Amino acid sequence: YADQIAVRVFDDLYDAIEGKPNTKGECFHLNMLSTT
């Protein structure tokens, strides 16, 4: 029940970020390394 929600959020967040162009001719990606 909960894990399906997590997978959906993760995938949708990835889709929202992945491939958006940056200023250096490449693009943005997702990571989830929050540090603090």
All heavy atoms as atom14 arrays in JSON, in Angstrom:
{
  "sequence": "YADQIAVRVFDDLYDAIEGKPNTKGECFHLNMLSTT",
  "atom14_mask": [
    [1, 1, 1, 1, 1, 1, 1, 1, 1, 1, 1, 1, 0, 0],
    [1, 1, 1, 1, 1, 0, 0, 0, 0, 0, 0, 0, 0, 0],
    [1, 1, 1, 1, 1, 1, 1, 1, 0, 0, 0, 0, 0, 0],
    [1, 1, 1, 1, 1, 1, 1, 1, 1, 0, 0, 0, 0, 0],
    [1, 1, 1, 1, 1, 1, 1, 1, 0, 0, 0, 0, 0, 0],
    [1, 1, 1, 1, 1, 0, 0, 0, 0, 0, 0, 0, 0, 0],
    [1, 1, 1, 1, 1, 1, 1, 0, 0, 0, 0, 0, 0, 0],
    [1, 1, 1, 1, 1, 1, 1, 1, 1, 1, 1, 0, 0, 0],
    [1, 1, 1, 1, 1, 1, 1, 0, 0, 0, 0, 0, 0, 0],
    [1, 1, 1, 1, 1, 1, 1, 1, 1, 1, 1, 0, 0, 0],
    [1, 1, 1, 1, 1, 1, 1, 1, 0, 0, 0, 0, 0, 0],
    [1, 1, 1, 1, 1, 1, 1, 1, 0, 0, 0, 0, 0, 0],
    [1, 1, 1, 1, 1, 1, 1, 1, 0, 0, 0, 0, 0, 0],
    [1, 1, 1, 1, 1, 1, 1, 1, 1, 1, 1, 1, 0, 0],
    [1, 1, 1, 1, 1, 1, 1, 1, 0, 0, 0, 0, 0, 0],
    [1, 1, 1, 1, 1, 0, 0, 0, 0, 0, 0, 0, 0, 0],
    [1, 1, 1, 1, 1, 1, 1, 1, 0, 0, 0, 0, 0, 0],
    [1, 1, 1, 1, 1, 1, 1, 1, 1, 0, 0, 0, 0, 0],
    [1, 1, 1, 1, 0, 0, 0, 0, 0, 0, 0, 0, 0, 0],
    [1, 1, 1, 1, 1, 1, 1, 1, 1, 0, 0, 0, 0, 0],
    [1, 1, 1, 1, 1, 1, 1, 0, 0, 0, 0, 0, 0, 0],
    [1, 1, 1, 1, 1, 1, 1, 1, 0, 0, 0, 0, 0, 0],
    [1, 1, 1, 1, 1, 1, 1, 0, 0, 0, 0, 0, 0, 0],
    [1, 1, 1, 1, 1, 1, 1, 1, 1, 0, 0, 0, 0, 0],
    [1, 1, 1, 1, 0, 0, 0, 0, 0, 0, 0, 0, 0, 0],
    [1, 1, 1, 1, 1, 1, 1, 1, 1, 0, 0, 0, 0, 0],
    [1, 1, 1, 1, 1, 1, 0, 0, 0, 0, 0, 0, 0, 0],
    [1, 1, 1, 1, 1, 1, 1, 1, 1, 1, 1, 0, 0, 0],
    [1, 1, 1, 1, 1, 1, 1, 1, 1, 1, 0, 0, 0, 0],
    [1, 1, 1, 1, 1, 1, 1, 1, 0, 0, 0, 0, 0, 0],
    [1, 1, 1, 1, 1, 1, 1, 1, 0, 0, 0, 0, 0, 0],
    [1, 1, 1, 1, 1, 1, 1, 1, 0, 0, 0, 0, 0, 0],
    [1, 1, 1, 1, 1, 1, 1, 1, 0, 0, 0, 0, 0, 0],
    [1, 1, 1, 1, 1, 1, 0, 0, 0, 0, 0, 0, 0, 0],
    [1, 1, 1, 1, 1, 1, 1, 0, 0, 0, 0, 0, 0, 0],
    [1, 1, 1, 1, 1, 1, 1, 0, 0, 0, 0, 0, 0, 0]
  ],
  "atom14_positions": [
    [[0.84, -1.21, 0.0], [0.0, 0.0, 0.0], [0.87, 1.25, 0.0], [0.7, 2.15, -0.83], [-0.92, -0.02, 1.21], [-1.97, 1.07, 1.24], [-3.28, 0.79, 0.86], [-1.68, 2.36, 1.65], [-4.26, 1.77, 0.88], [-2.64, 3.35, 1.68], [-3.94, 3.05, 1.3], [-4.89, 4.04, 1.32], [0.0, 0.0, 0.0], [0.0, 0.0, 0.0]],
    [[1.81, 1.31, 0.95], [2.68, 2.48, 1.06], [3.76, 2.48, -0.02], [4.07, 3.53, -0.6], [3.32, 2.53, 2.44], [0.0, 0.0, 0.0], [0.0, 0.0, 0.0], [0.0, 0.0, 0.0], [0.0, 0.0, 0.0], [0.0, 0.0, 0.0], [0.0, 0.0, 0.0], [0.0, 0.0, 0.0], [0.0, 0.0, 0.0], [0.0, 0.0, 0.0]],
    [[4.32, 1.32, -0.29], [5.44, 1.26, -1.24], [5.03, 1.67, -2.65], [5.81, 2.29, -3.38], [6.04, -0.15, -1.25], [6.69, -0.52, 0.09], [6.86, 0.39, 0.93], [7.02, -1.7, 0.27], [0.0, 0.0, 0.0], [0.0, 0.0, 0.0], [0.0, 0.0, 0.0], [0.0, 0.0, 0.0], [0.0, 0.0, 0.0], [0.0, 0.0, 0.0]],
    [[3.8, 1.35, -3.05], [3.33, 1.76, -4.36], [3.24, 3.28, -4.47], [3.51, 3.86, -5.53], [1.97, 1.12, -4.65], [2.04, -0.36, -4.93], [0.67, -1.02, -5.0], [-0.37, -0.35, -4.91], [0.64, -2.34, -5.15], [0.0, 0.0, 0.0], [0.0, 0.0, 0.0], [0.0, 0.0, 0.0], [0.0, 0.0, 0.0], [0.0, 0.0, 0.0]],
    [[2.87, 3.92, -3.37], [2.84, 5.39, -3.36], [4.26, 5.93, -3.51], [4.51, 6.87, -4.28], [2.2, 5.91, -2.06], [0.72, 5.5, -1.99], [2.34, 7.43, -1.96], [0.03, 5.86, -0.69], [0.0, 0.0, 0.0], [0.0, 0.0, 0.0], [0.0, 0.0, 0.0], [0.0, 0.0, 0.0], [0.0, 0.0, 0.0], [0.0, 0.0, 0.0]],
    [[5.21, 5.33, -2.79], [6.6, 5.79, -2.86], [7.15, 5.65, -4.27], [7.83, 6.56, -4.78], [7.46, 5.0, -1.87], [0.0, 0.0, 0.0], [0.0, 0.0, 0.0], [0.0, 0.0, 0.0], [0.0, 0.0, 0.0], [0.0, 0.0, 0.0], [0.0, 0.0, 0.0], [0.0, 0.0, 0.0], [0.0, 0.0, 0.0], [0.0, 0.0, 0.0]],
    [[6.89, 4.52, -4.9], [7.38, 4.29, -6.26], [6.79, 5.31, -7.22], [7.49, 5.87, -8.08], [7.05, 2.86, -6.72], [7.31, 2.7, -8.21], [7.85, 1.83, -5.92], [0.0, 0.0, 0.0], [0.0, 0.0, 0.0], [0.0, 0.0, 0.0], [0.0, 0.0, 0.0], [0.0, 0.0, 0.0], [0.0, 0.0, 0.0], [0.0, 0.0, 0.0]],
    [[5.51, 5.59, -7.07], [4.85, 6.56, -7.94], [5.44, 7.95, -7.76], [5.72, 8.66, -8.74], [3.35, 6.58, -7.66], [2.56, 7.47, -8.6], [1.08, 7.47, -8.24], [0.29, 8.21, -9.21], [-1.01, 8.47, -9.08], [-1.67, 8.02, -8.02], [-1.66, 9.15, -10.0], [0.0, 0.0, 0.0], [0.0, 0.0, 0.0], [0.0, 0.0, 0.0]],
    [[5.64, 8.37, -6.51], [6.22, 9.69, -6.23], [7.63, 9.76, -6.81], [8.01, 10.75, -7.46], [6.23, 9.98, -4.72], [7.04, 11.24, -4.42], [4.8, 10.15, -4.2], [0.0, 0.0, 0.0], [0.0, 0.0, 0.0], [0.0, 0.0, 0.0], [0.0, 0.0, 0.0], [0.0, 0.0, 0.0], [0.0, 0.0, 0.0], [0.0, 0.0, 0.0]],
    [[8.43, 8.74, -6.57], [9.81, 8.71, -7.05], [9.85, 8.81, -8.57], [10.61, 9.61, -9.13], [10.49, 7.42, -6.58], [11.93, 7.29, -6.97], [12.94, 7.84, -6.19], [12.3, 6.61, -8.13], [14.27, 7.71, -6.54], [13.62, 6.49, -8.5], [14.61, 7.04, -7.71], [0.0, 0.0, 0.0], [0.0, 0.0, 0.0], [0.0, 0.0, 0.0]],
    [[9.04, 8.01, -9.25], [9.03, 8.02, -10.72], [8.54, 9.36, -11.27], [9.09, 9.88, -12.25], [8.16, 6.88, -11.25], [8.79, 5.52, -11.06], [10.01, 5.45, -10.78], [8.07, 4.5, -11.17], [0.0, 0.0, 0.0], [0.0, 0.0, 0.0], [0.0, 0.0, 0.0], [0.0, 0.0, 0.0], [0.0, 0.0, 0.0], [0.0, 0.0, 0.0]],
    [[7.5, 9.91, -10.65], [6.96, 11.18, -11.13], [7.93, 12.34, -10.87], [8.04, 13.27, -11.68], [5.61, 11.47, -10.48], [4.5, 10.58, -11.03], [4.7, 9.96, -12.09], [3.43, 10.5, -10.4], [0.0, 0.0, 0.0], [0.0, 0.0, 0.0], [0.0, 0.0, 0.0], [0.0, 0.0, 0.0], [0.0, 0.0, 0.0], [0.0, 0.0, 0.0]],
    [[8.64, 12.28, -9.74], [9.65, 13.29, -9.46], [10.78, 13.2, -10.48], [11.27, 14.22, -10.99], [10.19, 13.12, -8.04], [11.29, 14.08, -7.59], [10.81, 15.52, -7.62], [11.79, 13.71, -6.2], [0.0, 0.0, 0.0], [0.0, 0.0, 0.0], [0.0, 0.0, 0.0], [0.0, 0.0, 0.0], [0.0, 0.0, 0.0], [0.0, 0.0, 0.0]],
    [[11.2, 11.98, -10.78], [12.22, 11.76, -11.79], [11.79, 12.36, -13.13], [12.56, 13.07, -13.79], [12.49, 10.26, -11.92], [13.32, 9.89, -13.13], [14.72, 9.94, -13.09], [12.71, 9.47, -14.31], [15.47, 9.6, -14.2], [13.47, 9.13, -15.42], [14.85, 9.19, -15.37], [15.59, 8.87, -16.47], [0.0, 0.0, 0.0], [0.0, 0.0, 0.0]],
    [[10.57, 12.08, -13.54], [10.07, 12.6, -14.81], [10.01, 14.12, -14.84], [10.21, 14.75, -15.89], [8.67, 12.03, -15.11], [8.7, 10.55, -15.43], [9.77, 10.03, -15.81], [7.64, 9.9, -15.29], [0.0, 0.0, 0.0], [0.0, 0.0, 0.0], [0.0, 0.0, 0.0], [0.0, 0.0, 0.0], [0.0, 0.0, 0.0], [0.0, 0.0, 0.0]],
    [[9.75, 14.72, -13.66], [9.66, 16.19, -13.59], [11.03, 16.84, -13.75], [11.12, 18.0, -14.2], [9.04, 16.61, -12.26], [0.0, 0.0, 0.0], [0.0, 0.0, 0.0], [0.0, 0.0, 0.0], [0.0, 0.0, 0.0], [0.0, 0.0, 0.0], [0.0, 0.0, 0.0], [0.0, 0.0, 0.0], [0.0, 0.0, 0.0], [0.0, 0.0, 0.0]],
    [[12.1, 16.12, -13.39], [13.45, 16.7, -13.39], [14.27, 16.27, -14.61], [14.95, 17.1, -15.23], [14.2, 16.28, -12.1], [13.54, 16.9, -10.88], [15.67, 16.67, -12.18], [14.1, 16.39, -9.56], [0.0, 0.0, 0.0], [0.0, 0.0, 0.0], [0.0, 0.0, 0.0], [0.0, 0.0, 0.0], [0.0, 0.0, 0.0], [0.0, 0.0, 0.0]],
    [[14.2, 15.0, -14.94], [15.1, 14.41, -15.92], [15.06, 15.12, -17.28], [14.0, 15.32, -17.87], [14.76, 12.94, -16.11], [15.63, 12.2, -17.13], [17.09, 12.08, -16.7], [17.37, 12.21, -15.48], [17.94, 11.84, -17.57], [0.0, 0.0, 0.0], [0.0, 0.0, 0.0], [0.0, 0.0, 0.0], [0.0, 0.0, 0.0], [0.0, 0.0, 0.0]],
    [[16.27, 15.48, -17.74], [16.41, 16.0, -19.1], [16.22, 17.48, -19.26], [16.41, 18.01, -20.37], [0.0, 0.0, 0.0], [0.0, 0.0, 0.0], [0.0, 0.0, 0.0], [0.0, 0.0, 0.0], [0.0, 0.0, 0.0], [0.0, 0.0, 0.0], [0.0, 0.0, 0.0], [0.0, 0.0, 0.0], [0.0, 0.0, 0.0], [0.0, 0.0, 0.0]],
    [[15.87, 18.19, -18.22], [15.72, 19.65, -18.37], [17.11, 20.24, -18.63], [18.07, 19.92, -17.93], [15.09, 20.26, -17.12], [13.62, 19.87, -16.96], [12.95, 20.65, -15.85], [11.49, 20.25, -15.7], [10.68, 20.56, -16.9], [0.0, 0.0, 0.0], [0.0, 0.0, 0.0], [0.0, 0.0, 0.0], [0.0, 0.0, 0.0], [0.0, 0.0, 0.0]],
    [[17.24, 21.11, -19.62], [18.57, 21.59, -20.01], [19.21, 22.51, -18.99], [18.54, 23.33, -18.37], [18.29, 22.34, -21.33], [16.85, 22.72, -21.26], [16.16, 21.63, -20.48], [0.0, 0.0, 0.0], [0.0, 0.0, 0.0], [0.0, 0.0, 0.0], [0.0, 0.0, 0.0], [0.0, 0.0, 0.0], [0.0, 0.0, 0.0], [0.0, 0.0, 0.0]],
    [[20.52, 22.34, -18.81], [21.28, 23.27, -17.99], [22.01, 24.26, -18.9], [21.76, 24.3, -20.1], [22.23, 22.53, -17.05], [23.31, 21.73, -17.79], [23.53, 21.9, -18.99], [23.98, 20.84, -17.07], [0.0, 0.0, 0.0], [0.0, 0.0, 0.0], [0.0, 0.0, 0.0], [0.0, 0.0, 0.0], [0.0, 0.0, 0.0], [0.0, 0.0, 0.0]],
    [[22.92, 25.04, -18.35], [23.59, 26.09, -19.14], [24.83, 25.58, -19.84], [25.51, 26.34, -20.52], [23.99, 27.25, -18.21], [24.92, 26.76, -17.22], [22.78, 27.86, -17.54], [0.0, 0.0, 0.0], [0.0, 0.0, 0.0], [0.0, 0.0, 0.0], [0.0, 0.0, 0.0], [0.0, 0.0, 0.0], [0.0, 0.0, 0.0], [0.0, 0.0, 0.0]],
    [[25.15, 24.29, -19.67], [26.43, 23.75, -20.15], [26.25, 22.72, -21.26], [27.13, 21.91, -21.51], [27.19, 23.14, -18.97], [27.41, 24.13, -17.83], [27.89, 23.44, -16.57], [27.96, 24.41, -15.4], [28.33, 23.73, -14.15], [0.0, 0.0, 0.0], [0.0, 0.0, 0.0], [0.0, 0.0, 0.0], [0.0, 0.0, 0.0], [0.0, 0.0, 0.0]],
    [[25.09, 22.74, -21.89], [24.86, 21.84, -23.01], [24.46, 20.44, -22.6], [24.34, 19.56, -23.46], [0.0, 0.0, 0.0], [0.0, 0.0, 0.0], [0.0, 0.0, 0.0], [0.0, 0.0, 0.0], [0.0, 0.0, 0.0], [0.0, 0.0, 0.0], [0.0, 0.0, 0.0], [0.0, 0.0, 0.0], [0.0, 0.0, 0.0], [0.0, 0.0, 0.0]],
    [[24.25, 20.23, -21.3], [23.78, 18.92, -20.83], [22.47, 19.13, -20.08], [21.69, 20.0, -20.43], [24.87, 18.23, -20.02], [26.1, 17.92, -20.88], [27.08, 17.0, -20.22], [26.69, 16.22, -19.34], [28.28, 17.07, -20.58], [0.0, 0.0, 0.0], [0.0, 0.0, 0.0], [0.0, 0.0, 0.0], [0.0, 0.0, 0.0], [0.0, 0.0, 0.0]],
    [[22.2, 18.33, -19.06], [20.86, 18.43, -18.46], [20.86, 18.11, -16.98], [21.87, 17.69, -16.41], [19.89, 17.51, -19.21], [20.37, 15.77, -19.18], [0.0, 0.0, 0.0], [0.0, 0.0, 0.0], [0.0, 0.0, 0.0], [0.0, 0.0, 0.0], [0.0, 0.0, 0.0], [0.0, 0.0, 0.0], [0.0, 0.0, 0.0], [0.0, 0.0, 0.0]],
    [[19.69, 18.29, -16.38], [19.48, 18.02, -14.96], [19.06, 16.56, -14.74], [18.4, 15.96, -15.58], [18.37, 18.93, -14.41], [18.8, 20.34, -14.16], [18.83, 21.27, -15.19], [19.17, 20.75, -12.88], [19.22, 22.58, -14.97], [19.55, 22.06, -12.65], [19.58, 22.98, -13.69], [0.0, 0.0, 0.0], [0.0, 0.0, 0.0], [0.0, 0.0, 0.0]],
    [[19.46, 16.04, -13.59], [19.06, 14.7, -13.16], [18.63, 14.77, -11.69], [18.92, 15.73, -10.98], [20.2, 13.7, -13.31], [20.77, 13.61, -14.69], [20.1, 13.04, -15.74], [21.95, 14.05, -15.19], [20.84, 13.1, -16.83], [21.97, 13.72, -16.52], [0.0, 0.0, 0.0], [0.0, 0.0, 0.0], [0.0, 0.0, 0.0], [0.0, 0.0, 0.0]],
    [[18.0, 13.71, -11.25], [17.56, 13.57, -9.86], [18.61, 12.85, -9.03], [19.21, 11.87, -9.49], [16.26, 12.76, -9.83], [15.83, 12.15, -8.48], [15.35, 13.23, -7.52], [14.74, 11.1, -8.68], [0.0, 0.0, 0.0], [0.0, 0.0, 0.0], [0.0, 0.0, 0.0], [0.0, 0.0, 0.0], [0.0, 0.0, 0.0], [0.0, 0.0, 0.0]],
    [[18.87, 13.33, -7.82], [19.48, 12.47, -6.82], [18.77, 12.69, -5.49], [18.04, 13.67, -5.31], [21.0, 12.65, -6.72], [21.45, 13.87, -5.94], [20.82, 14.31, -4.97], [22.57, 14.45, -6.34], [0.0, 0.0, 0.0], [0.0, 0.0, 0.0], [0.0, 0.0, 0.0], [0.0, 0.0, 0.0], [0.0, 0.0, 0.0], [0.0, 0.0, 0.0]],
    [[18.94, 11.76, -4.59], [18.29, 11.85, -3.27], [19.33, 11.65, -2.18], [19.24, 10.75, -1.35], [17.13, 10.86, -3.18], [16.09, 11.1, -4.25], [14.43, 10.47, -3.9], [13.88, 11.62, -2.65], [0.0, 0.0, 0.0], [0.0, 0.0, 0.0], [0.0, 0.0, 0.0], [0.0, 0.0, 0.0], [0.0, 0.0, 0.0], [0.0, 0.0, 0.0]],
    [[20.36, 12.49, -2.23], [21.44, 12.5, -1.24], [21.3, 13.78, -0.43], [21.86, 14.83, -0.78], [22.79, 12.44, -1.95], [23.0, 11.21, -2.85], [24.25, 11.38, -3.72], [23.1, 9.95, -2.01], [0.0, 0.0, 0.0], [0.0, 0.0, 0.0], [0.0, 0.0, 0.0], [0.0, 0.0, 0.0], [0.0, 0.0, 0.0], [0.0, 0.0, 0.0]],
    [[20.54, 13.7, 0.64], [20.1, 14.92, 1.33], [21.15, 15.55, 2.23], [20.99, 16.69, 2.65], [18.87, 14.58, 2.18], [19.14, 13.5, 3.05], [0.0, 0.0, 0.0], [0.0, 0.0, 0.0], [0.0, 0.0, 0.0], [0.0, 0.0, 0.0], [0.0, 0.0, 0.0], [0.0, 0.0, 0.0], [0.0, 0.0, 0.0], [0.0, 0.0, 0.0]],
    [[22.22, 14.82, 2.56], [23.21, 15.27, 3.54], [22.46, 15.67, 4.83], [21.93, 14.81, 5.49], [24.07, 16.42, 2.99], [24.49, 16.08, 1.65], [25.32, 16.61, 3.83], [0.0, 0.0, 0.0], [0.0, 0.0, 0.0], [0.0, 0.0, 0.0], [0.0, 0.0, 0.0], [0.0, 0.0, 0.0], [0.0, 0.0, 0.0], [0.0, 0.0, 0.0]],
    [[22.38, 16.98, 5.15], [21.65, 17.38, 6.36], [20.52, 18.36, 6.07], [19.93, 18.91, 7.0], [22.62, 18.02, 7.38], [23.23, 19.18, 6.78], [23.71, 17.05, 7.79], [0.0, 0.0, 0.0], [0.0, 0.0, 0.0], [0.0, 0.0, 0.0], [0.0, 0.0, 0.0], [0.0, 0.0, 0.0], [0.0, 0.0, 0.0], [0.0, 0.0, 0.0]]
  ]
}
